[in-house]
Amino acid sequence: MRLLTRTTVSVLAAALGAPLLVPVAAGAAPAASKQAPTSPKPTKSGHVQANGVDYYYAIYGKGEPLLLLHGGLGQIEMFGPNLGALAASRTVIGVDLQGHGRSSLGNRDIDPVAMGDDMAVILQQIGQKQVDVMGYSMGAAVGFRLAAQHPEVVRRLVLVSGGFAQDGFFPEMLPQQAAVGAAMADGMKETPMYKSYMAIAPHPEDFPRLLDKMGAWMRKPYDWSEDVKKLTMPVMLIYGDSDMWRPEHEVKFYQLLGGGLKDAGWQRENMGKNRLAILPNVTHYEMGMSPALVPAALPFLNGESAVRTWSQQVAGEK
């Protein structure tokens, strides 16, 4: 059984980009107030109905609004200390995605296109006309779709370990993703991912169905390259240097956004509005909790640039 569990966790983590989540205290009842130990306390939380799904959301901190979207088989708290780091200067709006955390699974397929529309409904319901968005892995796919389908809602967009087409994954990832399904559920019962889900899910018995729906989604080919042009807001792409996405795909994504096509110039006169960051010594799986993530993303989200041009440096200007 131990070997089965290790194999199951390995395949599932690789397929979904899911880290080994820290479980909520054993025996805890599902409740909106339950938080992982490293998470700040929300100033507000609740549920919103969006297109047949009952979504849980929580709001942290104070400042410009930032919609924060987690990865597959995670929940808001999977960002660990980075949630608090962002909430120190931002109003962070965390949402548990469909079937994850405290949000219902329902009978609808798992589909980032549909969830992109759902996020727009949630933002409207909680009174947010425009927000910055940061999504990780599956959350990056949902953030992409929100920005492409409702660009007026998104001011700045950060996609963390996300791609625009299925062929962007390393080839060995595809059969692992295709293997995800309910048959894995029994072998996961002693894993942190399973225990975290059971502690807060509104319907814990839905876990095998969630795996089936996640597998069905990942088996569907997709190519959103034509939709990249709909991302009219400033966009930042962040990857680990050992991510599950092929480096060629990461660069192609940046080029589709208009970046990396020519030299920026001495005065940065050819610099576009979009950015690409590759974080060293980081894989896909720990990206959401990487200490390097917030320092990379926050200046972009704030519209800041601490970089002086070549001529300013030569002239000694500050």
C-alpha atoms as a PDB file:
ATOM      1  CA  MET A   1       0.000   0.000   0.000  1.00  0.00           C
ATOM      2  CA  ARG A   2       2.879   2.356   0.765  1.00  0.00           C
ATOM      3  CA  LEU A   3       4.301   1.827  -2.738  1.00  0.00           C
ATOM      4  CA  LEU A   4       0.863   2.396  -4.280  1.00  0.00           C
ATOM      5  CA  THR A   5       0.483   5.645  -2.343  1.00  0.00           C
ATOM      6  CA  ARG A   6       3.896   6.925  -3.396  1.00  0.00           C
ATOM      7  CA  THR A   7       3.193   6.076  -7.031  1.00  0.00           C
ATOM      8  CA  THR A   8      -0.238   7.662  -6.903  1.00  0.00           C
ATOM      9  CA  VAL A   9       1.057  10.856  -5.323  1.00  0.00           C
ATOM     10  CA  SER A  10       3.932  11.060  -7.783  1.00  0.00           C
ATOM     11  CA  VAL A  11       1.687  10.698 -10.821  1.00  0.00           C
ATOM     12  CA  LEU A  12      -0.986  13.018  -9.492  1.00  0.00           C
ATOM     13  CA  ALA A  13       1.417  15.728  -8.365  1.00  0.00           C
ATOM     14  CA  ALA A  14       3.186  15.600 -11.715  1.00  0.00           C
ATOM     15  CA  ALA A  15      -0.045  15.630 -13.669  1.00  0.00           C
ATOM     16  CA  LEU A  16      -1.676  18.499 -11.811  1.00  0.00           C
ATOM     17  CA  GLY A  17       1.327  20.454 -10.667  1.00  0.00           C
ATOM     18  CA  ALA A  18       0.063  19.931  -7.126  1.00  0.00           C
ATOM     19  CA  PRO A  19       2.485  20.338  -4.226  1.00  0.00           C
ATOM     20  CA  LEU A  20       2.201  18.124  -1.170  1.00  0.00           C
ATOM     21  CA  LEU A  21      -0.306  20.293   0.625  1.00  0.00           C
ATOM     22  CA  VAL A  22      -0.202  20.685   4.393  1.00  0.00           C
ATOM     23  CA  PRO A  23      -3.454  19.204   5.696  1.00  0.00           C
ATOM     24  CA  VAL A  24      -5.841  21.074   7.915  1.00  0.00           C
ATOM     25  CA  ALA A  25      -6.018  19.543  11.413  1.00  0.00           C
ATOM     26  CA  ALA A  26      -7.306  15.976  11.347  1.00  0.00           C
ATOM     27  CA  GLY A  27     -10.939  15.606  12.273  1.00  0.00           C
ATOM     28  CA  ALA A  28     -11.769  19.219  11.555  1.00  0.00           C
ATOM     29  CA  ALA A  29     -15.279  19.844  10.284  1.00  0.00           C
ATOM     30  CA  PRO A  30     -15.718  21.634   6.948  1.00  0.00           C
ATOM     31  CA  ALA A  31     -16.073  25.320   7.728  1.00  0.00           C
ATOM     32  CA  ALA A  32     -15.335  28.619   6.016  1.00  0.00           C
ATOM     33  CA  SER A  33     -13.203  29.720   8.954  1.00  0.00           C
ATOM     34  CA  LYS A  34     -10.679  26.855   8.767  1.00  0.00           C
ATOM     35  CA  GLN A  35      -7.274  28.099   7.616  1.00  0.00           C
ATOM     36  CA  ALA A  36      -3.841  26.529   7.217  1.00  0.00           C
ATOM     37  CA  PRO A  37      -1.416  27.585   9.976  1.00  0.00           C
ATOM     38  CA  THR A  38       0.618  29.884   7.721  1.00  0.00           C
ATOM     39  CA  SER A  39      -2.400  31.754   6.366  1.00  0.00           C
ATOM     40  CA  PRO A  40      -3.534  35.167   7.579  1.00  0.00           C
ATOM     41  CA  LYS A  41      -7.059  35.521   8.889  1.00  0.00           C
ATOM     42  CA  PRO A  42      -9.489  36.791   6.239  1.00  0.00           C
ATOM     43  CA  THR A  43     -11.243  40.090   6.856  1.00  0.00           C
ATOM     44  CA  LYS A  44     -14.262  38.718   5.016  1.00  0.00           C
ATOM     45  CA  SER A  45     -15.334  35.410   3.523  1.00  0.00           C
ATOM     46  CA  GLY A  46     -18.427  33.881   2.033  1.00  0.00           C
ATOM     47  CA  HIS A  47     -19.991  32.051  -0.871  1.00  0.00           C
ATOM     48  CA  VAL A  48     -21.147  33.238  -4.307  1.00  0.00           C
ATOM     49  CA  GLN A  49     -23.267  31.318  -6.794  1.00  0.00           C
ATOM     50  CA  ALA A  50     -21.833  31.503 -10.310  1.00  0.00           C
ATOM     51  CA  ASN A  51     -23.304  29.549 -13.206  1.00  0.00           C
ATOM     52  CA  GLY A  52     -24.411  26.642 -11.041  1.00  0.00           C
ATOM     53  CA  VAL A  53     -21.294  26.421  -8.846  1.00  0.00           C
ATOM     54  CA  ASP A  54     -21.192  27.488  -5.197  1.00  0.00           C
ATOM     55  CA  TYR A  55     -17.830  29.266  -4.847  1.00  0.00           C
ATOM     56  CA  TYR A  56     -16.060  30.083  -1.592  1.00  0.00           C
ATOM     57  CA  TYR A  57     -14.028  33.273  -1.456  1.00  0.00           C
ATOM     58  CA  ALA A  58     -11.951  34.964   1.244  1.00  0.00           C
ATOM     59  CA  ILE A  59     -10.538  38.485   1.391  1.00  0.00           C
ATOM     60  CA  TYR A  60      -7.246  39.331   3.104  1.00  0.00           C
ATOM     61  CA  GLY A  61      -5.320  42.536   3.738  1.00  0.00           C
ATOM     62  CA  LYS A  62      -5.842  46.055   2.473  1.00  0.00           C
ATOM     63  CA  GLY A  63      -4.783  47.836  -0.705  1.00  0.00           C
ATOM     64  CA  GLU A  64      -5.334  47.502  -4.442  1.00  0.00           C
ATOM     65  CA  PRO A  65      -7.436  44.393  -5.219  1.00  0.00           C
ATOM     66  CA  LEU A  66      -5.683  41.211  -6.370  1.00  0.00           C
ATOM     67  CA  LEU A  67      -7.578  38.079  -7.408  1.00  0.00           C
ATOM     68  CA  LEU A  68      -5.437  35.079  -6.419  1.00  0.00           C
ATOM     69  CA  LEU A  69      -6.142  31.697  -8.048  1.00  0.00           C
ATOM     70  CA  HIS A  70      -4.605  28.435  -6.818  1.00  0.00           C
ATOM     71  CA  GLY A  71      -3.466  25.299  -8.624  1.00  0.00           C
ATOM     72  CA  GLY A  72      -5.069  21.908  -9.157  1.00  0.00           C
ATOM     73  CA  LEU A  73      -6.169  19.945  -6.057  1.00  0.00           C
ATOM     74  CA  GLY A  74      -5.274  22.954  -3.925  1.00  0.00           C
ATOM     75  CA  GLN A  75      -7.122  25.756  -2.243  1.00  0.00           C
ATOM     76  CA  ILE A  76      -6.481  29.405  -1.386  1.00  0.00           C
ATOM     77  CA  GLU A  77      -4.023  28.470   1.376  1.00  0.00           C
ATOM     78  CA  MET A  78      -1.710  26.525  -0.948  1.00  0.00           C
ATOM     79  CA  PHE A  79       0.298  29.741  -1.485  1.00  0.00           C
ATOM     80  CA  GLY A  80       1.561  29.395   2.091  1.00  0.00           C
ATOM     81  CA  PRO A  81       3.524  32.424   3.359  1.00  0.00           C
ATOM     82  CA  ASN A  82       3.098  34.135  -0.021  1.00  0.00           C
ATOM     83  CA  LEU A  83      -0.562  34.742   0.797  1.00  0.00           C
ATOM     84  CA  GLY A  84       0.429  36.848   3.787  1.00  0.00           C
ATOM     85  CA  ALA A  85       3.217  38.552   1.844  1.00  0.00           C
ATOM     86  CA  LEU A  86       0.742  39.688  -0.808  1.00  0.00           C
ATOM     87  CA  ALA A  87      -1.888  40.680   1.765  1.00  0.00           C
ATOM     88  CA  ALA A  88       0.637  42.965   3.469  1.00  0.00           C
ATOM     89  CA  SER A  89       0.086  45.561   0.732  1.00  0.00           C
ATOM     90  CA  ARG A  90      -2.884  44.265  -1.265  1.00  0.00           C
ATOM     91  CA  THR A  91      -6.519  43.355  -0.830  1.00  0.00           C
ATOM     92  CA  VAL A  92      -6.164  39.712  -1.801  1.00  0.00           C
ATOM     93  CA  ILE A  93      -9.328  38.013  -3.046  1.00  0.00           C
ATOM     94  CA  GLY A  94      -8.768  34.277  -2.859  1.00  0.00           C
ATOM     95  CA  VAL A  95     -11.220  31.911  -4.547  1.00  0.00           C
ATOM     96  CA  ASP A  96     -11.421  28.145  -4.151  1.00  0.00           C
ATOM     97  CA  LEU A  97     -11.926  26.939  -7.733  1.00  0.00           C
ATOM     98  CA  GLN A  98     -14.757  24.623  -8.779  1.00  0.00           C
ATOM     99  CA  GLY A  99     -14.668  21.383  -6.794  1.00  0.00           C
ATOM    100  CA  HIS A 100     -11.667  22.535  -4.752  1.00  0.00           C
ATOM    101  CA  GLY A 101     -11.390  23.608  -1.146  1.00  0.00           C
ATOM    102  CA  ARG A 102     -14.754  24.850   0.118  1.00  0.00           C
ATOM    103  CA  SER A 103     -16.334  25.298  -3.344  1.00  0.00           C
ATOM    104  CA  SER A 104     -18.825  22.775  -4.702  1.00  0.00           C
ATOM    105  CA  LEU A 105     -18.043  20.399  -7.551  1.00  0.00           C
ATOM    106  CA  GLY A 106     -21.561  20.255  -8.968  1.00  0.00           C
ATOM    107  CA  ASN A 107     -22.431  18.362 -12.132  1.00  0.00           C
ATOM    108  CA  ARG A 108     -20.624  20.621 -14.586  1.00  0.00           C
ATOM    109  CA  ASP A 109     -17.338  19.652 -16.250  1.00  0.00           C
ATOM    110  CA  ILE A 110     -14.081  21.140 -14.994  1.00  0.00           C
ATOM    111  CA  ASP A 111     -13.290  23.749 -17.656  1.00  0.00           C
ATOM    112  CA  PRO A 112     -11.075  26.857 -17.334  1.00  0.00           C
ATOM    113  CA  VAL A 113     -13.155  28.613 -20.025  1.00  0.00           C
ATOM    114  CA  ALA A 114     -16.304  28.273 -17.924  1.00  0.00           C
ATOM    115  CA  MET A 115     -14.438  29.145 -14.736  1.00  0.00           C
ATOM    116  CA  GLY A 116     -13.124  32.305 -16.405  1.00  0.00           C
ATOM    117  CA  ASP A 117     -16.724  33.425 -16.804  1.00  0.00           C
ATOM    118  CA  ASP A 118     -17.423  32.373 -13.218  1.00  0.00           C
ATOM    119  CA  MET A 119     -14.644  34.611 -11.894  1.00  0.00           C
ATOM    120  CA  ALA A 120     -16.237  37.609 -13.631  1.00  0.00           C
ATOM    121  CA  VAL A 121     -19.539  36.817 -11.910  1.00  0.00           C
ATOM    122  CA  ILE A 122     -17.833  36.514  -8.518  1.00  0.00           C
ATOM    123  CA  LEU A 123     -16.046  39.832  -8.919  1.00  0.00           C
ATOM    124  CA  GLN A 124     -19.285  41.534  -9.862  1.00  0.00           C
ATOM    125  CA  GLN A 125     -21.124  40.001  -6.928  1.00  0.00           C
ATOM    126  CA  ILE A 126     -18.533  41.186  -4.394  1.00  0.00           C
ATOM    127  CA  GLY A 127     -18.397  44.675  -5.882  1.00  0.00           C
ATOM    128  CA  GLN A 128     -15.051  44.615  -7.719  1.00  0.00           C
ATOM    129  CA  LYS A 129     -15.121  46.370 -11.103  1.00  0.00           C
ATOM    130  CA  GLN A 130     -11.453  45.823 -11.959  1.00  0.00           C
ATOM    131  CA  VAL A 131      -8.678  43.820 -10.301  1.00  0.00           C
ATOM    132  CA  ASP A 132      -5.175  42.586 -10.842  1.00  0.00           C
ATOM    133  CA  VAL A 133      -5.038  38.797 -11.274  1.00  0.00           C
ATOM    134  CA  MET A 134      -2.397  36.241 -10.350  1.00  0.00           C
ATOM    135  CA  GLY A 135      -3.019  32.565 -11.091  1.00  0.00           C
ATOM    136  CA  TYR A 136      -0.799  29.533 -10.552  1.00  0.00           C
ATOM    137  CA  SER A 137      -0.911  26.372 -12.718  1.00  0.00           C
ATOM    138  CA  MET A 138      -4.621  25.527 -13.102  1.00  0.00           C
ATOM    139  CA  GLY A 139      -5.304  28.982 -11.634  1.00  0.00           C
ATOM    140  CA  ALA A 140      -3.166  30.478 -14.408  1.00  0.00           C
ATOM    141  CA  ALA A 141      -5.426  28.795 -16.978  1.00  0.00           C
ATOM    142  CA  VAL A 142      -8.497  30.270 -15.281  1.00  0.00           C
ATOM    143  CA  GLY A 143      -6.825  33.679 -15.033  1.00  0.00           C
ATOM    144  CA  PHE A 144      -5.936  33.528 -18.738  1.00  0.00           C
ATOM    145  CA  ARG A 145      -9.545  32.806 -19.647  1.00  0.00           C
ATOM    146  CA  LEU A 146     -10.915  35.536 -17.367  1.00  0.00           C
ATOM    147  CA  ALA A 147      -8.585  38.087 -18.964  1.00  0.00           C
ATOM    148  CA  ALA A 148      -9.300  36.921 -22.527  1.00  0.00           C
ATOM    149  CA  GLN A 149     -13.074  36.744 -22.064  1.00  0.00           C
ATOM    150  CA  HIS A 150     -13.497  39.770 -19.771  1.00  0.00           C
ATOM    151  CA  PRO A 151     -10.501  42.044 -20.411  1.00  0.00           C
ATOM    152  CA  GLU A 152     -12.258  45.062 -18.950  1.00  0.00           C
ATOM    153  CA  VAL A 153     -12.167  43.383 -15.527  1.00  0.00           C
ATOM    154  CA  VAL A 154      -8.395  42.746 -15.444  1.00  0.00           C
ATOM    155  CA  ARG A 155      -5.897  45.576 -14.953  1.00  0.00           C
ATOM    156  CA  ARG A 156      -2.697  43.527 -14.785  1.00  0.00           C
ATOM    157  CA  LEU A 157      -2.250  39.776 -15.209  1.00  0.00           C
ATOM    158  CA  VAL A 158       0.419  37.467 -13.757  1.00  0.00           C
ATOM    159  CA  LEU A 159       0.413  33.876 -15.026  1.00  0.00           C
ATOM    160  CA  VAL A 160       2.559  31.608 -12.851  1.00  0.00           C
ATOM    161  CA  SER A 161       3.589  28.306 -14.451  1.00  0.00           C
ATOM    162  CA  GLY A 162       0.845  28.449 -17.053  1.00  0.00           C
ATOM    163  CA  GLY A 163       0.828  27.865 -20.808  1.00  0.00           C
ATOM    164  CA  PHE A 164      -1.353  28.561 -23.829  1.00  0.00           C
ATOM    165  CA  ALA A 165      -1.513  25.071 -25.408  1.00  0.00           C
ATOM    166  CA  GLN A 166      -1.405  21.439 -24.368  1.00  0.00           C
ATOM    167  CA  ASP A 167       1.710  20.755 -26.444  1.00  0.00           C
ATOM    168  CA  GLY A 168       3.630  23.130 -24.177  1.00  0.00           C
ATOM    169  CA  PHE A 169       4.037  20.377 -21.593  1.00  0.00           C
ATOM    170  CA  PHE A 170       7.004  18.053 -21.710  1.00  0.00           C
ATOM    171  CA  PRO A 171       5.775  14.986 -23.664  1.00  0.00           C
ATOM    172  CA  GLU A 172       6.091  12.601 -20.725  1.00  0.00           C
ATOM    173  CA  MET A 173       3.553  14.681 -18.794  1.00  0.00           C
ATOM    174  CA  LEU A 174       0.636  13.902 -21.114  1.00  0.00           C
ATOM    175  CA  PRO A 175       0.153  10.188 -20.279  1.00  0.00           C
ATOM    176  CA  GLN A 176       0.473  11.013 -16.582  1.00  0.00           C
ATOM    177  CA  GLN A 177      -2.253  13.628 -16.908  1.00  0.00           C
ATOM    178  CA  ALA A 178      -4.415  11.224 -18.908  1.00  0.00           C
ATOM    179  CA  ALA A 179      -4.148   8.648 -16.102  1.00  0.00           C
ATOM    180  CA  VAL A 180      -5.782  10.869 -13.463  1.00  0.00           C
ATOM    181  CA  GLY A 181      -9.130   9.472 -12.359  1.00  0.00           C
ATOM    182  CA  ALA A 182     -11.249   8.061  -9.548  1.00  0.00           C
ATOM    183  CA  ALA A 183      -9.212   4.851  -9.414  1.00  0.00           C
ATOM    184  CA  MET A 184      -6.466   6.844  -7.677  1.00  0.00           C
ATOM    185  CA  ALA A 185      -8.690   7.878  -4.768  1.00  0.00           C
ATOM    186  CA  ASP A 186      -8.177   4.847  -2.488  1.00  0.00           C
ATOM    187  CA  GLY A 187      -4.414   5.027  -2.836  1.00  0.00           C
ATOM    188  CA  MET A 188      -4.411   8.663  -1.740  1.00  0.00           C
ATOM    189  CA  LYS A 189      -6.162   8.340   1.612  1.00  0.00           C
ATOM    190  CA  GLU A 190      -2.993   8.806   3.656  1.00  0.00           C
ATOM    191  CA  THR A 191      -1.674  11.706   1.575  1.00  0.00           C
ATOM    192  CA  PRO A 192      -1.755  15.397   2.549  1.00  0.00           C
ATOM    193  CA  MET A 193      -3.706  16.231  -0.622  1.00  0.00           C
ATOM    194  CA  TYR A 194      -6.535  13.877   0.331  1.00  0.00           C
ATOM    195  CA  LYS A 195      -6.569  14.933   3.990  1.00  0.00           C
ATOM    196  CA  SER A 196      -6.616  18.623   3.104  1.00  0.00           C
ATOM    197  CA  TYR A 197      -9.595  18.057   0.820  1.00  0.00           C
ATOM    198  CA  MET A 198     -11.482  15.987   3.377  1.00  0.00           C
ATOM    199  CA  ALA A 199     -10.996  18.578   6.112  1.00  0.00           C
ATOM    200  CA  ILE A 200     -12.780  21.443   4.333  1.00  0.00           C
ATOM    201  CA  ALA A 201     -14.705  20.159   1.305  1.00  0.00           C
ATOM    202  CA  PRO A 202     -18.486  20.689   1.512  1.00  0.00           C
ATOM    203  CA  HIS A 203     -19.015  17.185   0.097  1.00  0.00           C
ATOM    204  CA  PRO A 204     -15.929  15.039   0.866  1.00  0.00           C
ATOM    205  CA  GLU A 205     -17.494  12.081  -0.912  1.00  0.00           C
ATOM    206  CA  ASP A 206     -16.989  13.958  -4.200  1.00  0.00           C
ATOM    207  CA  PHE A 207     -13.208  13.387  -4.218  1.00  0.00           C
ATOM    208  CA  PRO A 208     -13.268  10.465  -6.706  1.00  0.00           C
ATOM    209  CA  ARG A 209     -15.590  12.462  -8.987  1.00  0.00           C
ATOM    210  CA  LEU A 210     -13.221  15.424  -8.775  1.00  0.00           C
ATOM    211  CA  LEU A 211     -10.333  13.221  -9.939  1.00  0.00           C
ATOM    212  CA  ASP A 212     -12.465  11.945 -12.831  1.00  0.00           C
ATOM    213  CA  LYS A 213     -13.382  15.478 -13.876  1.00  0.00           C
ATOM    214  CA  MET A 214      -9.789  16.712 -13.586  1.00  0.00           C
ATOM    215  CA  GLY A 215      -8.585  13.798 -15.713  1.00  0.00           C
ATOM    216  CA  ALA A 216     -11.264  14.435 -18.332  1.00  0.00           C
ATOM    217  CA  TRP A 217     -10.241  18.098 -18.554  1.00  0.00           C
ATOM    218  CA  MET A 218      -6.540  17.304 -18.916  1.00  0.00           C
ATOM    219  CA  ARG A 219      -7.165  14.767 -21.663  1.00  0.00           C
ATOM    220  CA  LYS A 220      -8.735  17.434 -23.894  1.00  0.00           C
ATOM    221  CA  PRO A 221      -6.319  19.070 -26.370  1.00  0.00           C
ATOM    222  CA  TYR A 222      -6.394  22.862 -26.423  1.00  0.00           C
ATOM    223  CA  ASP A 223      -4.589  25.707 -28.163  1.00  0.00           C
ATOM    224  CA  TRP A 224      -5.290  29.268 -27.046  1.00  0.00           C
ATOM    225  CA  SER A 225      -2.626  30.930 -29.184  1.00  0.00           C
ATOM    226  CA  GLU A 226      -5.235  33.013 -31.032  1.00  0.00           C
ATOM    227  CA  ASP A 227      -6.636  34.191 -27.703  1.00  0.00           C
ATOM    228  CA  VAL A 228      -3.278  35.544 -26.529  1.00  0.00           C
ATOM    229  CA  LYS A 229      -3.936  38.659 -28.630  1.00  0.00           C
ATOM    230  CA  LYS A 230      -7.023  39.274 -26.472  1.00  0.00           C
ATOM    231  CA  LEU A 231      -4.767  39.847 -23.468  1.00  0.00           C
ATOM    232  CA  THR A 232      -4.632  43.605 -23.937  1.00  0.00           C
ATOM    233  CA  MET A 233      -3.561  44.380 -20.372  1.00  0.00           C
ATOM    234  CA  PRO A 234       0.071  44.155 -19.159  1.00  0.00           C
ATOM    235  CA  VAL A 235       0.970  40.483 -18.668  1.00  0.00           C
ATOM    236  CA  MET A 236       3.807  38.864 -16.742  1.00  0.00           C
ATOM    237  CA  LEU A 237       4.766  35.218 -17.229  1.00  0.00           C
ATOM    238  CA  ILE A 238       6.634  33.515 -14.380  1.00  0.00           C
ATOM    239  CA  TYR A 239       8.170  30.035 -14.588  1.00  0.00           C
ATOM    240  CA  GLY A 240      10.648  27.940 -12.691  1.00  0.00           C
ATOM    241  CA  ASP A 241      13.823  27.006 -14.503  1.00  0.00           C
ATOM    242  CA  SER A 242      12.783  23.374 -13.941  1.00  0.00           C
ATOM    243  CA  ASP A 243       9.073  23.767 -14.710  1.00  0.00           C
ATOM    244  CA  MET A 244       6.753  21.215 -16.351  1.00  0.00           C
ATOM    245  CA  TRP A 245       6.451  23.549 -19.357  1.00  0.00           C
ATOM    246  CA  ARG A 246       9.021  23.322 -22.140  1.00  0.00           C
ATOM    247  CA  PRO A 247      11.286  26.416 -22.261  1.00  0.00           C
ATOM    248  CA  GLU A 248      10.470  26.773 -25.964  1.00  0.00           C
ATOM    249  CA  HIS A 249       6.798  27.115 -25.074  1.00  0.00           C
ATOM    250  CA  GLU A 250       7.519  29.716 -22.407  1.00  0.00           C
ATOM    251  CA  VAL A 251       9.483  31.825 -24.882  1.00  0.00           C
ATOM    252  CA  LYS A 252       6.834  31.377 -27.585  1.00  0.00           C
ATOM    253  CA  PHE A 253       4.164  32.593 -25.143  1.00  0.00           C
ATOM    254  CA  TYR A 254       6.248  35.697 -24.408  1.00  0.00           C
ATOM    255  CA  GLN A 255       6.741  36.295 -28.128  1.00  0.00           C
ATOM    256  CA  LEU A 256       3.004  35.977 -28.792  1.00  0.00           C
ATOM    257  CA  LEU A 257       2.609  38.745 -26.236  1.00  0.00           C
ATOM    258  CA  GLY A 258       5.039  40.889 -28.262  1.00  0.00           C
ATOM    259  CA  GLY A 259       8.086  40.348 -26.073  1.00  0.00           C
ATOM    260  CA  GLY A 260      11.483  38.927 -26.981  1.00  0.00           C
ATOM    261  CA  LEU A 261      11.263  39.963 -30.636  1.00  0.00           C
ATOM    262  CA  LYS A 262      14.028  42.584 -30.708  1.00  0.00           C
ATOM    263  CA  ASP A 263      16.606  44.339 -28.566  1.00  0.00           C
ATOM    264  CA  ALA A 264      15.134  46.711 -25.959  1.00  0.00           C
ATOM    265  CA  GLY A 265      17.562  49.530 -26.761  1.00  0.00           C
ATOM    266  CA  TRP A 266      19.961  51.534 -24.582  1.00  0.00           C
ATOM    267  CA  GLN A 267      17.183  53.815 -23.395  1.00  0.00           C
ATOM    268  CA  ARG A 268      14.725  50.908 -23.078  1.00  0.00           C
ATOM    269  CA  GLU A 269      12.848  52.609 -25.913  1.00  0.00           C
ATOM    270  CA  ASN A 270      11.783  49.274 -27.407  1.00  0.00           C
ATOM    271  CA  MET A 271      10.624  47.780 -24.121  1.00  0.00           C
ATOM    272  CA  GLY A 272       7.102  46.440 -24.252  1.00  0.00           C
ATOM    273  CA  LYS A 273       4.623  46.352 -21.387  1.00  0.00           C
ATOM    274  CA  ASN A 274       4.844  42.592 -20.824  1.00  0.00           C
ATOM    275  CA  ARG A 275       7.431  40.664 -18.819  1.00  0.00           C
ATOM    276  CA  LEU A 276       8.956  37.198 -18.565  1.00  0.00           C
ATOM    277  CA  ALA A 277      10.631  35.855 -15.409  1.00  0.00           C
ATOM    278  CA  ILE A 278      12.434  32.530 -14.968  1.00  0.00           C
ATOM    279  CA  LEU A 279      13.069  31.788 -11.298  1.00  0.00           C
ATOM    280  CA  PRO A 280      16.231  29.761 -10.623  1.00  0.00           C
ATOM    281  CA  ASN A 281      16.191  26.492  -8.698  1.00  0.00           C
ATOM    282  CA  VAL A 282      12.374  26.264  -8.770  1.00  0.00           C
ATOM    283  CA  THR A 283      10.171  23.450 -10.102  1.00  0.00           C
ATOM    284  CA  HIS A 284       6.499  23.636 -11.009  1.00  0.00           C
ATOM    285  CA  TYR A 285       5.442  21.976  -7.788  1.00  0.00           C
ATOM    286  CA  GLU A 286       6.787  24.443  -5.210  1.00  0.00           C
ATOM    287  CA  MET A 287       6.278  27.562  -7.341  1.00  0.00           C
ATOM    288  CA  GLY A 288       3.205  28.760  -5.446  1.00  0.00           C
ATOM    289  CA  MET A 289       5.111  28.839  -2.160  1.00  0.00           C
ATOM    290  CA  SER A 290       8.502  29.887  -3.560  1.00  0.00           C
ATOM    291  CA  PRO A 291      10.062  32.798  -1.613  1.00  0.00           C
ATOM    292  CA  ALA A 292      11.112  34.246  -4.984  1.00  0.00           C
ATOM    293  CA  LEU A 293       7.548  34.521  -6.330  1.00  0.00           C
ATOM    294  CA  VAL A 294       6.244  37.641  -4.577  1.00  0.00           C
ATOM    295  CA  PRO A 295       9.417  39.742  -5.086  1.00  0.00           C
ATOM    296  CA  ALA A 296       9.217  38.902  -8.799  1.00  0.00           C
ATOM    297  CA  ALA A 297       5.504  39.583  -9.239  1.00  0.00           C
ATOM    298  CA  LEU A 298       4.694  42.452  -6.882  1.00  0.00           C
ATOM    299  CA  PRO A 299       6.668  45.267  -8.579  1.00  0.00           C
ATOM    300  CA  PHE A 300       4.973  44.386 -11.871  1.00  0.00           C
ATOM    301  CA  LEU A 301       1.547  44.285 -10.245  1.00  0.00           C
ATOM    302  CA  ASN A 302       2.265  47.682  -8.691  1.00  0.00           C
ATOM    303  CA  GLY A 303       3.378  49.144 -12.020  1.00  0.00           C
ATOM    304  CA  GLU A 304       6.842  49.821 -10.611  1.00  0.00           C
ATOM    305  CA  SER A 305      10.236  49.673 -12.286  1.00  0.00           C
ATOM    306  CA  ALA A 306      13.329  50.148 -10.159  1.00  0.00           C
ATOM    307  CA  VAL A 307      15.598  49.813 -13.199  1.00  0.00           C
ATOM    308  CA  ARG A 308      17.447  52.869 -14.483  1.00  0.00           C
ATOM    309  CA  THR A 309      18.309  53.181 -18.174  1.00  0.00           C
ATOM    310  CA  TRP A 310      21.924  52.788 -19.286  1.00  0.00           C
ATOM    311  CA  SER A 311      22.303  56.545 -19.783  1.00  0.00           C
ATOM    312  CA  GLN A 312      20.828  57.297 -16.341  1.00  0.00           C
ATOM    313  CA  GLN A 313      23.321  54.939 -14.727  1.00  0.00           C
ATOM    314  CA  VAL A 314      26.241  56.524 -16.603  1.00  0.00           C
ATOM    315  CA  ALA A 315      25.067  60.009 -15.604  1.00  0.00           C
ATOM    316  CA  GLY A 316      24.673  58.943 -11.998  1.00  0.00           C
ATOM    317  CA  GLU A 317      20.959  59.736 -11.928  1.00  0.00           C
ATOM    318  CA  LYS A 318      18.782  58.119  -9.288  1.00  0.00           C
END
